[in-house]
């Protein structure tokens, strides 16, 4: 079953250009690693110094457990460690703090708001 998740990472303003550049030009092994870990979709938006991540996958925590076991993940996170105001759990070391969904047009038209 495909679920949808969203979470926000606050980026240090003095690292935003590098953060954006790396995400616009990601390493091929990062793309493959995330896909192999179970990410069906990952879209990242920027708003001011916030990085807003939208995922479609079966279980986001399982994606990050698998991704966290990949050596590319360690390199990627080391490269970005100074960019984060607070380092997120995106290495499998803990559950990802996702946003609470409070509205979904199509689900609510069908009569039930689902958590994902």
PDB file of N, CA and C in Angstrom:
ATOM      1  N   UNK A   1       0.841  -1.185   0.000  1.00  0.00           N
ATOM      2  CA  UNK A   1       0.000   0.000   0.000  1.00  0.00           C
ATOM      3  C   UNK A   1       0.885   1.248   0.000  1.00  0.00           C
ATOM      4  N   UNK A   2       0.590   2.171  -0.867  1.00  0.00           N
ATOM      5  CA  UNK A   2       1.348   3.401  -0.949  1.00  0.00           C
ATOM      6  C   UNK A   2       0.736   4.445  -0.022  1.00  0.00           C
ATOM      7  N   UNK A   3       1.572   5.013   0.853  1.00  0.00           N
ATOM      8  CA  UNK A   3       1.158   6.076   1.760  1.00  0.00           C
ATOM      9  C   UNK A   3       1.859   7.362   1.363  1.00  0.00           C
ATOM     10  N   UNK A   4       1.315   8.479   1.818  1.00  0.00           N
ATOM     11  CA  UNK A   4       1.920   9.782   1.554  1.00  0.00           C
ATOM     12  C   UNK A   4       2.363  10.399   2.870  1.00  0.00           C
ATOM     13  N   UNK A   5       3.564  10.941   2.876  1.00  0.00           N
ATOM     14  CA  UNK A   5       4.139  11.550   4.075  1.00  0.00           C
ATOM     15  C   UNK A   5       4.711  12.909   3.709  1.00  0.00           C
ATOM     16  N   UNK A   6       4.744  13.788   4.682  1.00  0.00           N
ATOM     17  CA  UNK A   6       5.358  15.091   4.502  1.00  0.00           C
ATOM     18  C   UNK A   6       6.093  15.443   5.788  1.00  0.00           C
ATOM     19  N   UNK A   7       7.283  16.002   5.643  1.00  0.00           N
ATOM     20  CA  UNK A   7       7.982  16.537   6.803  1.00  0.00           C
ATOM     21  C   UNK A   7       8.814  17.729   6.390  1.00  0.00           C
ATOM     22  N   UNK A   8       9.237  18.496   7.379  1.00  0.00           N
ATOM     23  CA  UNK A   8       9.931  19.752   7.142  1.00  0.00           C
ATOM     24  C   UNK A   8      11.275  19.719   7.843  1.00  0.00           C
ATOM     25  N   UNK A   9      12.301  20.203   7.146  1.00  0.00           N
ATOM     26  CA  UNK A   9      13.635  20.344   7.717  1.00  0.00           C
ATOM     27  C   UNK A   9      14.014  21.818   7.627  1.00  0.00           C
ATOM     28  N   UNK A  10      14.435  22.380   8.741  1.00  0.00           N
ATOM     29  CA  UNK A  10      14.889  23.766   8.744  1.00  0.00           C
ATOM     30  C   UNK A  10      16.368  23.799   8.373  1.00  0.00           C
ATOM     31  N   UNK A  11      16.680  24.615   7.380  1.00  0.00           N
ATOM     32  CA  UNK A  11      18.041  24.701   6.843  1.00  0.00           C
ATOM     33  C   UNK A  11      18.689  26.003   7.304  1.00  0.00           C
ATOM     34  N   UNK A  12      19.956  25.917   7.688  1.00  0.00           N
ATOM     35  CA  UNK A  12      20.710  27.120   8.032  1.00  0.00           C
ATOM     36  C   UNK A  12      20.846  27.980   6.776  1.00  0.00           C
ATOM     37  N   UNK A  13      20.485  29.234   6.906  1.00  0.00           N
ATOM     38  CA  UNK A  13      20.436  30.122   5.741  1.00  0.00           C
ATOM     39  C   UNK A  13      21.772  30.212   5.010  1.00  0.00           C
ATOM     40  N   UNK A  14      22.882  30.154   5.741  1.00  0.00           N
ATOM     41  CA  UNK A  14      24.186  30.269   5.092  1.00  0.00           C
ATOM     42  C   UNK A  14      24.586  28.997   4.340  1.00  0.00           C
ATOM     43  N   UNK A  15      23.780  27.943   4.435  1.00  0.00           N
ATOM     44  CA  UNK A  15      24.030  26.698   3.709  1.00  0.00           C
ATOM     45  C   UNK A  15      22.952  26.413   2.658  1.00  0.00           C
ATOM     46  N   UNK A  16      21.986  27.320   2.533  1.00  0.00           N
ATOM     47  CA  UNK A  16      20.843  27.052   1.654  1.00  0.00           C
ATOM     48  C   UNK A  16      21.260  26.898   0.191  1.00  0.00           C
ATOM     49  N   UNK A  17      22.137  27.748  -0.310  1.00  0.00           N
ATOM     50  CA  UNK A  17      22.529  27.636  -1.718  1.00  0.00           C
ATOM     51  C   UNK A  17      23.157  26.278  -2.013  1.00  0.00           C
ATOM     52  N   UNK A  18      24.021  25.810  -1.125  1.00  0.00           N
ATOM     53  CA  UNK A  18      24.658  24.509  -1.301  1.00  0.00           C
ATOM     54  C   UNK A  18      23.624  23.384  -1.205  1.00  0.00           C
ATOM     55  N   UNK A  19      22.715  23.486  -0.240  1.00  0.00           N
ATOM     56  CA  UNK A  19      21.658  22.489  -0.056  1.00  0.00           C
ATOM     57  C   UNK A  19      20.798  22.385  -1.319  1.00  0.00           C
ATOM     58  N   UNK A  20      20.388  23.518  -1.844  1.00  0.00           N
ATOM     59  CA  UNK A  20      19.556  23.545  -3.050  1.00  0.00           C
ATOM     60  C   UNK A  20      20.331  22.980  -4.239  1.00  0.00           C
ATOM     61  N   UNK A  21      21.560  23.410  -4.395  1.00  0.00           N
ATOM     62  CA  UNK A  21      22.382  22.940  -5.518  1.00  0.00           C
ATOM     63  C   UNK A  21      22.563  21.425  -5.483  1.00  0.00           C
ATOM     64  N   UNK A  22      22.853  20.885  -4.315  1.00  0.00           N
ATOM     65  CA  UNK A  22      23.041  19.437  -4.198  1.00  0.00           C
ATOM     66  C   UNK A  22      21.755  18.679  -4.532  1.00  0.00           C
ATOM     67  N   UNK A  23      20.610  19.231  -4.127  1.00  0.00           N
ATOM     68  CA  UNK A  23      19.346  18.552  -4.410  1.00  0.00           C
ATOM     69  C   UNK A  23      18.907  18.714  -5.866  1.00  0.00           C
ATOM     70  N   UNK A  24      19.292  19.795  -6.503  1.00  0.00           N
ATOM     71  CA  UNK A  24      18.972  19.957  -7.925  1.00  0.00           C
ATOM     72  C   UNK A  24      19.885  19.104  -8.801  1.00  0.00           C
ATOM     73  N   UNK A  25      21.040  18.734  -8.246  1.00  0.00           N
ATOM     74  CA  UNK A  25      22.025  17.924  -8.962  1.00  0.00           C
ATOM     75  C   UNK A  25      22.491  16.775  -8.075  1.00  0.00           C
ATOM     76  N   UNK A  26      21.581  15.875  -7.703  1.00  0.00           N
ATOM     77  CA  UNK A  26      21.943  14.810  -6.756  1.00  0.00           C
ATOM     78  C   UNK A  26      22.868  13.777  -7.383  1.00  0.00           C
ATOM     79  N   UNK A  27      23.592  13.094  -6.520  1.00  0.00           N
ATOM     80  CA  UNK A  27      24.446  11.999  -6.977  1.00  0.00           C
ATOM     81  C   UNK A  27      23.556  10.868  -7.504  1.00  0.00           C
ATOM     82  N   UNK A  28      23.894  10.262  -8.613  1.00  0.00           N
ATOM     83  CA  UNK A  28      23.091   9.154  -9.148  1.00  0.00           C
ATOM     84  C   UNK A  28      22.896   8.023  -8.134  1.00  0.00           C
ATOM     85  N   UNK A  29      23.918   7.733  -7.329  1.00  0.00           N
ATOM     86  CA  UNK A  29      23.794   6.652  -6.343  1.00  0.00           C
ATOM     87  C   UNK A  29      22.815   7.010  -5.224  1.00  0.00           C
ATOM     88  N   UNK A  30      22.582   8.313  -5.006  1.00  0.00           N
ATOM     89  CA  UNK A  30      21.567   8.736  -4.038  1.00  0.00           C
ATOM     90  C   UNK A  30      20.179   8.439  -4.592  1.00  0.00           C
ATOM     91  N   UNK A  31      19.959   8.790  -5.844  1.00  0.00           N
ATOM     92  CA  UNK A  31      18.664   8.526  -6.477  1.00  0.00           C
ATOM     93  C   UNK A  31      18.344   7.035  -6.469  1.00  0.00           C
ATOM     94  N   UNK A  32      19.313   6.235  -6.874  1.00  0.00           N
ATOM     95  CA  UNK A  32      19.117   4.785  -6.907  1.00  0.00           C
ATOM     96  C   UNK A  32      18.905   4.228  -5.501  1.00  0.00           C
ATOM     97  N   UNK A  33      19.691   4.710  -4.547  1.00  0.00           N
ATOM     98  CA  UNK A  33      19.582   4.224  -3.171  1.00  0.00           C
ATOM     99  C   UNK A  33      18.228   4.495  -2.561  1.00  0.00           C
ATOM    100  N   UNK A  34      17.695   5.685  -2.786  1.00  0.00           N
ATOM    101  CA  UNK A  34      16.370   6.014  -2.255  1.00  0.00           C
ATOM    102  C   UNK A  34      15.281   5.177  -2.925  1.00  0.00           C
ATOM    103  N   UNK A  35      15.392   5.009  -4.230  1.00  0.00           N
ATOM    104  CA  UNK A  35      14.407   4.190  -4.955  1.00  0.00           C
ATOM    105  C   UNK A  35      14.471   2.745  -4.471  1.00  0.00           C
ATOM    106  N   UNK A  36      15.702   2.209  -4.352  1.00  0.00           N
ATOM    107  CA  UNK A  36      15.877   0.834  -3.891  1.00  0.00           C
ATOM    108  C   UNK A  36      15.392   0.644  -2.449  1.00  0.00           C
ATOM    109  N   UNK A  37      15.441   1.713  -1.656  1.00  0.00           N
ATOM    110  CA  UNK A  37      14.994   1.637  -0.261  1.00  0.00           C
ATOM    111  C   UNK A  37      13.468   1.648  -0.147  1.00  0.00           C
ATOM    112  N   UNK A  38      12.777   1.955  -1.254  1.00  0.00           N
ATOM    113  CA  UNK A  38      11.311   1.897  -1.227  1.00  0.00           C
ATOM    114  C   UNK A  38      10.606   3.217  -1.447  1.00  0.00           C
ATOM    115  N   UNK A  39      11.335   4.272  -1.788  1.00  0.00           N
ATOM    116  CA  UNK A  39      10.682   5.554  -2.076  1.00  0.00           C
ATOM    117  C   UNK A  39      10.075   5.490  -3.473  1.00  0.00           C
ATOM    118  N   UNK A  40       8.751   5.485  -3.550  1.00  0.00           N
ATOM    119  CA  UNK A  40       8.084   5.509  -4.854  1.00  0.00           C
ATOM    120  C   UNK A  40       8.135   6.906  -5.442  1.00  0.00           C
ATOM    121  N   UNK A  41       8.067   7.908  -4.565  1.00  0.00           N
ATOM    122  CA  UNK A  41       8.100   9.310  -4.981  1.00  0.00           C
ATOM    123  C   UNK A  41       8.720  10.114  -3.861  1.00  0.00           C
ATOM    124  N   UNK A  42       9.534  11.079  -4.212  1.00  0.00           N
ATOM    125  CA  UNK A  42      10.092  12.035  -3.260  1.00  0.00           C
ATOM    126  C   UNK A  42      10.195  13.362  -3.992  1.00  0.00           C
ATOM    127  N   UNK A  43       9.479  14.340  -3.491  1.00  0.00           N
ATOM    128  CA  UNK A  43       9.496  15.683  -4.047  1.00  0.00           C
ATOM    129  C   UNK A  43       9.864  16.622  -2.915  1.00  0.00           C
ATOM    130  N   UNK A  44      10.791  17.547  -3.182  1.00  0.00           N
ATOM    131  CA  UNK A  44      11.214  18.496  -2.161  1.00  0.00           C
ATOM    132  C   UNK A  44      10.926  19.909  -2.661  1.00  0.00           C
ATOM    133  N   UNK A  45      10.263  20.667  -1.814  1.00  0.00           N
ATOM    134  CA  UNK A  45       9.982  22.072  -2.084  1.00  0.00           C
ATOM    135  C   UNK A  45      10.781  22.917  -1.100  1.00  0.00           C
ATOM    136  N   UNK A  46      11.111  24.112  -1.506  1.00  0.00           N
ATOM    137  CA  UNK A  46      11.778  25.051  -0.612  1.00  0.00           C
ATOM    138  C   UNK A  46      10.854  26.221  -0.361  1.00  0.00           C
ATOM    139  N   UNK A  47      10.736  26.609   0.893  1.00  0.00           N
ATOM    140  CA  UNK A  47      10.035  27.827   1.284  1.00  0.00           C
ATOM    141  C   UNK A  47      10.919  28.538   2.300  1.00  0.00           C
ATOM    142  N   UNK A  48      11.459  29.675   1.909  1.00  0.00           N
ATOM    143  CA  UNK A  48      12.409  30.422   2.734  1.00  0.00           C
ATOM    144  C   UNK A  48      13.536  29.489   3.145  1.00  0.00           C
ATOM    145  N   UNK A  49      13.739  29.260   4.447  1.00  0.00           N
ATOM    146  CA  UNK A  49      14.815  28.349   4.847  1.00  0.00           C
ATOM    147  C   UNK A  49      14.261  26.981   5.268  1.00  0.00           C
ATOM    148  N   UNK A  50      13.103  26.635   4.759  1.00  0.00           N
ATOM    149  CA  UNK A  50      12.501  25.339   5.060  1.00  0.00           C
ATOM    150  C   UNK A  50      12.551  24.435   3.838  1.00  0.00           C
ATOM    151  N   UNK A  51      12.913  23.214   4.071  1.00  0.00           N
ATOM    152  CA  UNK A  51      12.885  22.177   3.051  1.00  0.00           C
ATOM    153  C   UNK A  51      11.683  21.300   3.368  1.00  0.00           C
ATOM    154  N   UNK A  52      10.734  21.219   2.443  1.00  0.00           N
ATOM    155  CA  UNK A  52       9.479  20.490   2.662  1.00  0.00           C
ATOM    156  C   UNK A  52       9.513  19.247   1.784  1.00  0.00           C
ATOM    157  N   UNK A  53       9.543  18.096   2.421  1.00  0.00           N
ATOM    158  CA  UNK A  53       9.699  16.827   1.717  1.00  0.00           C
ATOM    159  C   UNK A  53       8.367  16.093   1.659  1.00  0.00           C
ATOM    160  N   UNK A  54       7.988  15.672   0.466  1.00  0.00           N
ATOM    161  CA  UNK A  54       6.757  14.915   0.233  1.00  0.00           C
ATOM    162  C   UNK A  54       7.147  13.552  -0.303  1.00  0.00           C
ATOM    163  N   UNK A  55       6.727  12.515   0.390  1.00  0.00           N
ATOM    164  CA  UNK A  55       7.050  11.136   0.034  1.00  0.00           C
ATOM    165  C   UNK A  55       5.797  10.350  -0.302  1.00  0.00           C
ATOM    166  N   UNK A  56       5.944   9.420  -1.232  1.00  0.00           N
ATOM    167  CA  UNK A  56       4.984   8.343  -1.418  1.00  0.00           C
ATOM    168  C   UNK A  56       5.781   7.063  -1.292  1.00  0.00           C
ATOM    169  N   UNK A  57       5.376   6.227  -0.357  1.00  0.00           N
ATOM    170  CA  UNK A  57       6.049   4.963  -0.102  1.00  0.00           C
ATOM    171  C   UNK A  57       5.153   4.125   0.803  1.00  0.00           C
ATOM    172  N   UNK A  58       5.569   2.895   1.016  1.00  0.00           N
ATOM    173  CA  UNK A  58       4.795   2.030   1.898  1.00  0.00           C
ATOM    174  C   UNK A  58       4.933   2.482   3.355  1.00  0.00           C
ATOM    175  N   UNK A  59       6.171   2.667   3.803  1.00  0.00           N
ATOM    176  CA  UNK A  59       6.446   3.046   5.194  1.00  0.00           C
ATOM    177  C   UNK A  59       7.709   3.902   5.217  1.00  0.00           C
ATOM    178  N   UNK A  60       7.562   5.164   5.550  1.00  0.00           N
ATOM    179  CA  UNK A  60       8.703   6.077   5.492  1.00  0.00           C
ATOM    180  C   UNK A  60       9.833   5.670   6.429  1.00  0.00           C
ATOM    181  N   UNK A  61       9.505   5.129   7.590  1.00  0.00           N
ATOM    182  CA  UNK A  61      10.549   4.724   8.523  1.00  0.00           C
ATOM    183  C   UNK A  61      11.333   3.525   7.992  1.00  0.00           C
ATOM    184  N   UNK A  62      10.651   2.645   7.290  1.00  0.00           N
ATOM    185  CA  UNK A  62      11.341   1.511   6.662  1.00  0.00           C
ATOM    186  C   UNK A  62      12.246   1.993   5.524  1.00  0.00           C
ATOM    187  N   UNK A  63      11.792   2.972   4.760  1.00  0.00           N
ATOM    188  CA  UNK A  63      12.636   3.554   3.706  1.00  0.00           C
ATOM    189  C   UNK A  63      13.926   4.069   4.318  1.00  0.00           C
ATOM    190  N   UNK A  64      13.819   4.812   5.410  1.00  0.00           N
ATOM    191  CA  UNK A  64      15.016   5.386   6.010  1.00  0.00           C
ATOM    192  C   UNK A  64      15.872   4.351   6.737  1.00  0.00           C
ATOM    193  N   UNK A  65      15.281   3.281   7.226  1.00  0.00           N
ATOM    194  CA  UNK A  65      16.106   2.197   7.793  1.00  0.00           C
ATOM    195  C   UNK A  65      16.954   1.565   6.685  1.00  0.00           C
ATOM    196  N   UNK A  66      16.340   1.319   5.534  1.00  0.00           N
ATOM    197  CA  UNK A  66      17.087   0.739   4.404  1.00  0.00           C
ATOM    198  C   UNK A  66      18.091   1.741   3.844  1.00  0.00           C
ATOM    199  N   UNK A  67      17.663   2.972   3.659  1.00  0.00           N
ATOM    200  CA  UNK A  67      18.548   4.010   3.137  1.00  0.00           C
ATOM    201  C   UNK A  67      19.713   4.261   4.100  1.00  0.00           C
ATOM    202  N   UNK A  68      19.423   4.235   5.400  1.00  0.00           N
ATOM    203  CA  UNK A  68      20.458   4.456   6.405  1.00  0.00           C
ATOM    204  C   UNK A  68      21.540   3.395   6.405  1.00  0.00           C
ATOM    205  N   UNK A  69      21.234   2.211   5.896  1.00  0.00           N
ATOM    206  CA  UNK A  69      22.212   1.123   5.822  1.00  0.00           C
ATOM    207  C   UNK A  69      23.099   1.244   4.578  1.00  0.00           C
ATOM    208  N   UNK A  70      22.803   2.202   3.723  1.00  0.00           N
ATOM    209  CA  UNK A  70      23.545   2.406   2.484  1.00  0.00           C
ATOM    210  C   UNK A  70      24.706   3.374   2.750  1.00  0.00           C
ATOM    211  N   UNK A  71      25.905   3.047   2.312  1.00  0.00           N
ATOM    212  CA  UNK A  71      27.057   3.920   2.567  1.00  0.00           C
ATOM    213  C   UNK A  71      26.903   5.284   1.910  1.00  0.00           C
ATOM    214  N   UNK A  72      26.143   5.369   0.842  1.00  0.00           N
ATOM    215  CA  UNK A  72      25.894   6.664   0.209  1.00  0.00           C
ATOM    216  C   UNK A  72      25.109   7.577   1.145  1.00  0.00           C
ATOM    217  N   UNK A  73      24.205   7.000   1.937  1.00  0.00           N
ATOM    218  CA  UNK A  73      23.441   7.790   2.903  1.00  0.00           C
ATOM    219  C   UNK A  73      24.392   8.477   3.881  1.00  0.00           C
ATOM    220  N   UNK A  74      25.361   7.743   4.397  1.00  0.00           N
ATOM    221  CA  UNK A  74      26.318   8.324   5.348  1.00  0.00           C
ATOM    222  C   UNK A  74      27.100   9.466   4.695  1.00  0.00           C
ATOM    223  N   UNK A  75      27.510   9.291   3.451  1.00  0.00           N
ATOM    224  CA  UNK A  75      28.247  10.343   2.736  1.00  0.00           C
ATOM    225  C   UNK A  75      27.353  11.569   2.495  1.00  0.00           C
ATOM    226  N   UNK A  76      26.117  11.312   2.084  1.00  0.00           N
ATOM    227  CA  UNK A  76      25.155  12.388   1.818  1.00  0.00           C
ATOM    228  C   UNK A  76      24.901  13.195   3.095  1.00  0.00           C
ATOM    229  N   UNK A  77      24.644  12.492   4.197  1.00  0.00           N
ATOM    230  CA  UNK A  77      24.353  13.180   5.451  1.00  0.00           C
ATOM    231  C   UNK A  77      25.572  13.910   5.992  1.00  0.00           C
ATOM    232  N   UNK A  78      26.766  13.357   5.797  1.00  0.00           N
ATOM    233  CA  UNK A  78      27.986  14.046   6.216  1.00  0.00           C
ATOM    234  C   UNK A  78      28.157  15.333   5.415  1.00  0.00           C
ATOM    235  N   UNK A  79      27.845  15.270   4.151  1.00  0.00           N
ATOM    236  CA  UNK A  79      27.957  16.436   3.270  1.00  0.00           C
ATOM    237  C   UNK A  79      27.000  17.544   3.694  1.00  0.00           C
ATOM    238  N   UNK A  80      25.838  17.155   4.233  1.00  0.00           N
ATOM    239  CA  UNK A  80      24.806  18.134   4.583  1.00  0.00           C
ATOM    240  C   UNK A  80      24.690  18.423   6.077  1.00  0.00           C
ATOM    241  N   UNK A  81      25.508  17.812   6.906  1.00  0.00           N
ATOM    242  CA  UNK A  81      25.321  17.921   8.363  1.00  0.00           C
ATOM    243  C   UNK A  81      25.288  19.357   8.871  1.00  0.00           C
ATOM    244  N   UNK A  82      26.076  20.252   8.286  1.00  0.00           N
ATOM    245  CA  UNK A  82      26.082  21.641   8.730  1.00  0.00           C
ATOM    246  C   UNK A  82      24.916  22.450   8.164  1.00  0.00           C
ATOM    247  N   UNK A  83      24.214  21.885   7.215  1.00  0.00           N
ATOM    248  CA  UNK A  83      23.081  22.591   6.611  1.00  0.00           C
ATOM    249  C   UNK A  83      21.852  22.585   7.511  1.00  0.00           C
ATOM    250  N   UNK A  84      21.713  21.554   8.341  1.00  0.00           N
ATOM    251  CA  UNK A  84      20.505  21.396   9.154  1.00  0.00           C
ATOM    252  C   UNK A  84      20.577  22.202  10.446  1.00  0.00           C
ATOM    253  N   UNK A  85      19.501  22.933  10.760  1.00  0.00           N
ATOM    254  CA  UNK A  85      19.424  23.580  12.073  1.00  0.00           C
ATOM    255  C   UNK A  85      19.356  22.512  13.151  1.00  0.00           C
ATOM    256  N   UNK A  86      18.523  21.509  12.933  1.00  0.00           N
ATOM    257  CA  UNK A  86      18.430  20.342  13.807  1.00  0.00           C
ATOM    258  C   UNK A  86      18.465  19.132  12.888  1.00  0.00           C
ATOM    259  N   UNK A  87      19.427  18.254  13.108  1.00  0.00           N
ATOM    260  CA  UNK A  87      19.581  17.088  12.229  1.00  0.00           C
ATOM    261  C   UNK A  87      18.336  16.202  12.301  1.00  0.00           C
ATOM    262  N   UNK A  88      17.733  15.931  11.151  1.00  0.00           N
ATOM    263  CA  UNK A  88      16.544  15.061  11.126  1.00  0.00           C
ATOM    264  C   UNK A  88      16.953  13.584  11.184  1.00  0.00           C
ATOM    265  N   UNK A  89      16.012  12.733  11.550  1.00  0.00           N
ATOM    266  CA  UNK A  89      16.237  11.282  11.547  1.00  0.00           C
ATOM    267  C   UNK A  89      16.011  10.747  10.140  1.00  0.00           C
ATOM    268  N   UNK A  90      16.974  10.983   9.262  1.00  0.00           N
ATOM    269  CA  UNK A  90      16.844  10.490   7.897  1.00  0.00           C
ATOM    270  C   UNK A  90      17.974   9.529   7.574  1.00  0.00           C
ATOM    271  N   UNK A  91      18.373   8.791   8.596  1.00  0.00           N
ATOM    272  CA  UNK A  91      19.431   7.799   8.424  1.00  0.00           C
ATOM    273  C   UNK A  91      19.028   6.456   9.004  1.00  0.00           C
ATOM    274  N   UNK A  92      17.757   6.338   9.397  1.00  0.00           N
ATOM    275  CA  UNK A  92      17.273   5.091   9.963  1.00  0.00           C
ATOM    276  C   UNK A  92      17.484   4.971  11.454  1.00  0.00           C
ATOM    277  N   UNK A  93      18.057   5.989  12.094  1.00  0.00           N
ATOM    278  CA  UNK A  93      18.361   5.910  13.519  1.00  0.00           C
ATOM    279  C   UNK A  93      17.131   6.113  14.401  1.00  0.00           C
ATOM    280  N   UNK A  94      16.031   6.540  13.832  1.00  0.00           N
ATOM    281  CA  UNK A  94      14.800   6.748  14.583  1.00  0.00           C
ATOM    282  C   UNK A  94      13.676   7.059  13.620  1.00  0.00           C
ATOM    283  N   UNK A  95      12.476   7.135  14.162  1.00  0.00           N
ATOM    284  CA  UNK A  95      11.326   7.441  13.320  1.00  0.00           C
ATOM    285  C   UNK A  95      11.394   8.885  12.822  1.00  0.00           C
ATOM    286  N   UNK A  96      10.885   9.095  11.629  1.00  0.00           N
ATOM    287  CA  UNK A  96      10.834  10.416  11.023  1.00  0.00           C
ATOM    288  C   UNK A  96       9.616  11.145  11.584  1.00  0.00           C
ATOM    289  N   UNK A  97       9.830  12.376  12.035  1.00  0.00           N
ATOM    290  CA  UNK A  97       8.731  13.187  12.560  1.00  0.00           C
ATOM    291  C   UNK A  97       7.991  13.811  11.374  1.00  0.00           C
ATOM    292  N   UNK A  98       6.874  13.210  11.018  1.00  0.00           N
ATOM    293  CA  UNK A  98       6.106  13.685   9.871  1.00  0.00           C
ATOM    294  C   UNK A  98       5.009  14.651  10.304  1.00  0.00           C
ATOM    295  N   UNK A  99       4.503  15.403   9.342  1.00  0.00           N
ATOM    296  CA  UNK A  99       3.420  16.343   9.604  1.00  0.00           C
ATOM    297  C   UNK A  99       2.090  15.599   9.717  1.00  0.00           C
ATOM    298  N   UNK A 100       1.200  16.146  10.506  1.00  0.00           N
ATOM    299  CA  UNK A 100      -0.143  15.578  10.626  1.00  0.00           C
ATOM    300  C   UNK A 100      -0.981  16.054   9.448  1.00  0.00           C
ATOM    301  N   UNK A 101      -1.577  15.111   8.745  1.00  0.00           N
ATOM    302  CA  UNK A 101      -2.469  15.469   7.644  1.00  0.00           C
ATOM    303  C   UNK A 101      -3.828  15.818   8.236  1.00  0.00           C
ATOM    304  N   UNK A 102      -4.341  16.990   7.881  1.00  0.00           N
ATOM    305  CA  UNK A 102      -5.627  17.430   8.425  1.00  0.00           C
ATOM    306  C   UNK A 102      -6.688  17.651   7.352  1.00  0.00           C
ATOM    307  N   UNK A 103      -6.293  17.518   6.079  1.00  0.00           N
ATOM    308  CA  UNK A 103      -7.259  17.697   4.987  1.00  0.00           C
ATOM    309  C   UNK A 103      -6.767  16.927   3.775  1.00  0.00           C
ATOM    310  N   UNK A 104      -7.680  16.233   3.126  1.00  0.00           N
ATOM    311  CA  UNK A 104      -7.383  15.539   1.871  1.00  0.00           C
ATOM    312  C   UNK A 104      -8.678  15.547   1.065  1.00  0.00           C
ATOM    313  N   UNK A 105      -8.719  16.370   0.044  1.00  0.00           N
ATOM    314  CA  UNK A 105      -9.932  16.579  -0.736  1.00  0.00           C
ATOM    315  C   UNK A 105     -10.561  15.276  -1.197  1.00  0.00           C
ATOM    316  N   UNK A 106      -9.783  14.432  -1.865  1.00  0.00           N
ATOM    317  CA  UNK A 106     -10.358  13.211  -2.424  1.00  0.00           C
ATOM    318  C   UNK A 106     -10.772  12.214  -1.354  1.00  0.00           C
ATOM    319  N   UNK A 107      -9.978  12.050  -0.316  1.00  0.00           N
ATOM    320  CA  UNK A 107     -10.364  11.130   0.753  1.00  0.00           C
ATOM    321  C   UNK A 107     -11.638  11.619   1.438  1.00  0.00           C
ATOM    322  N   UNK A 108     -11.712  12.896   1.695  1.00  0.00           N
ATOM    323  CA  UNK A 108     -12.878  13.403   2.404  1.00  0.00           C
ATOM    324  C   UNK A 108     -14.119  13.413   1.525  1.00  0.00           C
ATOM    325  N   UNK A 109     -13.941  13.558   0.215  1.00  0.00           N
ATOM    326  CA  UNK A 109     -15.086  13.397  -0.682  1.00  0.00           C
ATOM    327  C   UNK A 109     -15.603  11.966  -0.631  1.00  0.00           C
ATOM    328  N   UNK A 110     -14.686  11.002  -0.430  1.00  0.00           N
ATOM    329  CA  UNK A 110     -15.081   9.602  -0.302  1.00  0.00           C
ATOM    330  C   UNK A 110     -15.593   9.270   1.105  1.00  0.00           C
ATOM    331  N   UNK A 111     -15.483  10.218   2.048  1.00  0.00           N
ATOM    332  CA  UNK A 111     -16.087  10.045   3.355  1.00  0.00           C
ATOM    333  C   UNK A 111     -15.145   9.731   4.502  1.00  0.00           C
ATOM    334  N   UNK A 112     -13.807   9.610   4.255  1.00  0.00           N
ATOM    335  CA  UNK A 112     -12.929   9.283   5.363  1.00  0.00           C
ATOM    336  C   UNK A 112     -11.532   9.848   5.152  1.00  0.00           C
ATOM    337  N   UNK A 113     -11.070  10.634   6.125  1.00  0.00           N
ATOM    338  CA  UNK A 113      -9.707  11.156   6.117  1.00  0.00           C
ATOM    339  C   UNK A 113      -8.781  10.090   6.685  1.00  0.00           C
ATOM    340  N   UNK A 114      -7.823   9.650   5.881  1.00  0.00           N
ATOM    341  CA  UNK A 114      -6.832   8.657   6.306  1.00  0.00           C
ATOM    342  C   UNK A 114      -5.587   9.371   6.822  1.00  0.00           C
ATOM    343  N   UNK A 115      -4.800   8.723   7.711  1.00  0.00           N
ATOM    344  CA  UNK A 115      -3.625   9.401   8.263  1.00  0.00           C
ATOM    345  C   UNK A 115      -2.520   9.651   7.229  1.00  0.00           C
ATOM    346  N   UNK A 116      -2.494   8.858   6.164  1.00  0.00           N
ATOM    347  CA  UNK A 116      -1.450   9.017   5.149  1.00  0.00           C
ATOM    348  C   UNK A 116      -2.117   9.211   3.809  1.00  0.00           C
TER     349      UNK A 116
END
